[in-house]
Amino acid sequence: RDLGAVTRWRSGEYLVALPGQTLDAAKHQLELLLKASELRQFVVGESLTVSLQFAVGLTLVHSDEVTMEAALRQCQRSLN
C-alpha cells in the first residue's frame, strides 16, 4: 500500500510505520519481522557476548491526516 518507514526513535528503539494497514495486518507484518530476526546473541570482541531482546507495541492512528509527529506522541503516551 502506502510507503512505510523504519526509523530510529530513541537509543535502542525503532519505529515502524505501516500506513494504510489494519491493526491485524500490521501485527502480522511485525510478527514476520520478529521471526526473521533470528540473531539473538552474538559475540563482540574476544569474550563479550551480547543478547538482544525484542519488545513490540502497536498503536493505530485513525486518520490519514495525522502527522508522524502526532503518531509518535500517541506512541509515547501508550508507553507511559
Protein backbone atom coordinates (compact mmCIF):
# COMPACT_ATOMS: atom_id res chain seq x y z
CA ARG A 1 0.00 0.00 0.00
CA ASP A 2 1.42 3.38 1.01
CA LEU A 3 5.14 3.79 1.61
CA GLY A 4 6.14 2.63 5.08
CA ALA A 5 9.09 3.75 7.16
CA VAL A 6 11.54 2.32 9.66
CA THR A 7 13.44 4.88 11.69
CA ARG A 8 15.38 5.14 14.90
CA TRP A 9 13.16 6.68 17.54
CA ARG A 10 15.39 6.79 20.60
CA SER A 11 18.52 4.96 21.69
CA GLY A 12 17.90 1.27 21.00
CA GLU A 13 14.30 1.87 19.90
CA TYR A 14 12.91 1.92 16.40
CA LEU A 15 9.60 2.94 14.88
CA VAL A 16 7.99 1.01 12.05
CA ALA A 17 5.24 2.98 10.29
CA LEU A 18 2.84 0.99 8.10
CA PRO A 19 0.37 3.49 6.62
CA GLY A 20 -2.86 2.12 5.22
CA GLN A 21 -2.63 -1.12 7.22
CA THR A 22 -5.24 -2.53 9.53
CA LEU A 23 -4.12 -3.34 13.06
CA ASP A 24 -4.28 -7.09 12.30
CA ALA A 25 -2.21 -6.68 9.12
CA ALA A 26 0.39 -4.59 10.93
CA LYS A 27 0.56 -7.16 13.75
CA HIS A 28 1.11 -9.92 11.18
CA GLN A 29 3.89 -7.94 9.45
CA LEU A 30 5.66 -7.31 12.75
CA GLU A 31 5.36 -10.98 13.74
CA LEU A 32 7.04 -11.91 10.44
CA LEU A 33 9.78 -9.37 11.11
CA LEU A 34 10.45 -10.79 14.57
CA LYS A 35 10.52 -14.37 13.25
CA ALA A 36 13.03 -13.32 10.60
CA SER A 37 15.25 -11.76 13.27
CA GLU A 38 16.97 -14.97 14.27
CA LEU A 39 20.01 -13.19 15.68
CA ARG A 40 19.51 -13.22 19.45
CA GLN A 41 23.09 -13.49 20.74
CA PHE A 42 26.37 -12.52 19.18
CA VAL A 43 29.97 -12.22 20.27
CA VAL A 44 31.58 -8.79 20.48
CA GLY A 45 35.33 -8.83 20.75
CA GLU A 46 37.04 -11.88 22.14
CA SER A 47 34.98 -12.62 25.24
CA LEU A 48 31.83 -10.49 25.38
CA THR A 49 28.50 -12.00 24.32
CA VAL A 50 25.60 -9.62 23.78
CA SER A 51 21.99 -10.78 23.91
CA LEU A 52 19.16 -9.00 22.13
CA GLN A 53 15.64 -8.78 23.46
CA PHE A 54 12.74 -7.64 21.32
CA ALA A 55 9.59 -5.98 22.58
CA VAL A 56 6.86 -4.78 20.25
CA GLY A 57 3.93 -2.46 20.79
CA LEU A 58 1.27 -1.44 18.29
CA THR A 59 -0.82 1.66 18.04
CA LEU A 60 -3.46 2.51 15.46
CA VAL A 61 -3.88 6.04 14.16
CA HIS A 62 -7.43 6.53 12.94
CA SER A 63 -6.96 9.36 10.47
CA ASP A 64 -4.98 9.88 7.29
CA GLU A 65 -4.50 13.50 8.36
CA VAL A 66 -2.46 12.64 11.47
CA THR A 67 1.18 13.66 11.15
CA MET A 68 4.08 11.36 12.02
CA GLU A 69 4.86 13.67 14.95
CA ALA A 70 1.32 13.25 16.34
CA ALA A 71 1.56 9.48 15.87
CA LEU A 72 4.86 9.45 17.79
CA ARG A 73 3.24 11.40 20.63
CA GLN A 74 0.44 8.82 20.70
CA CYS A 75 3.02 6.02 20.89
CA GLN A 76 4.81 7.81 23.71
CA ARG A 77 1.55 8.16 25.69
CA SER A 78 0.91 4.45 25.19
CA LEU A 79 4.32 3.60 26.67
CA ASN A 80 3.83 5.67 29.81
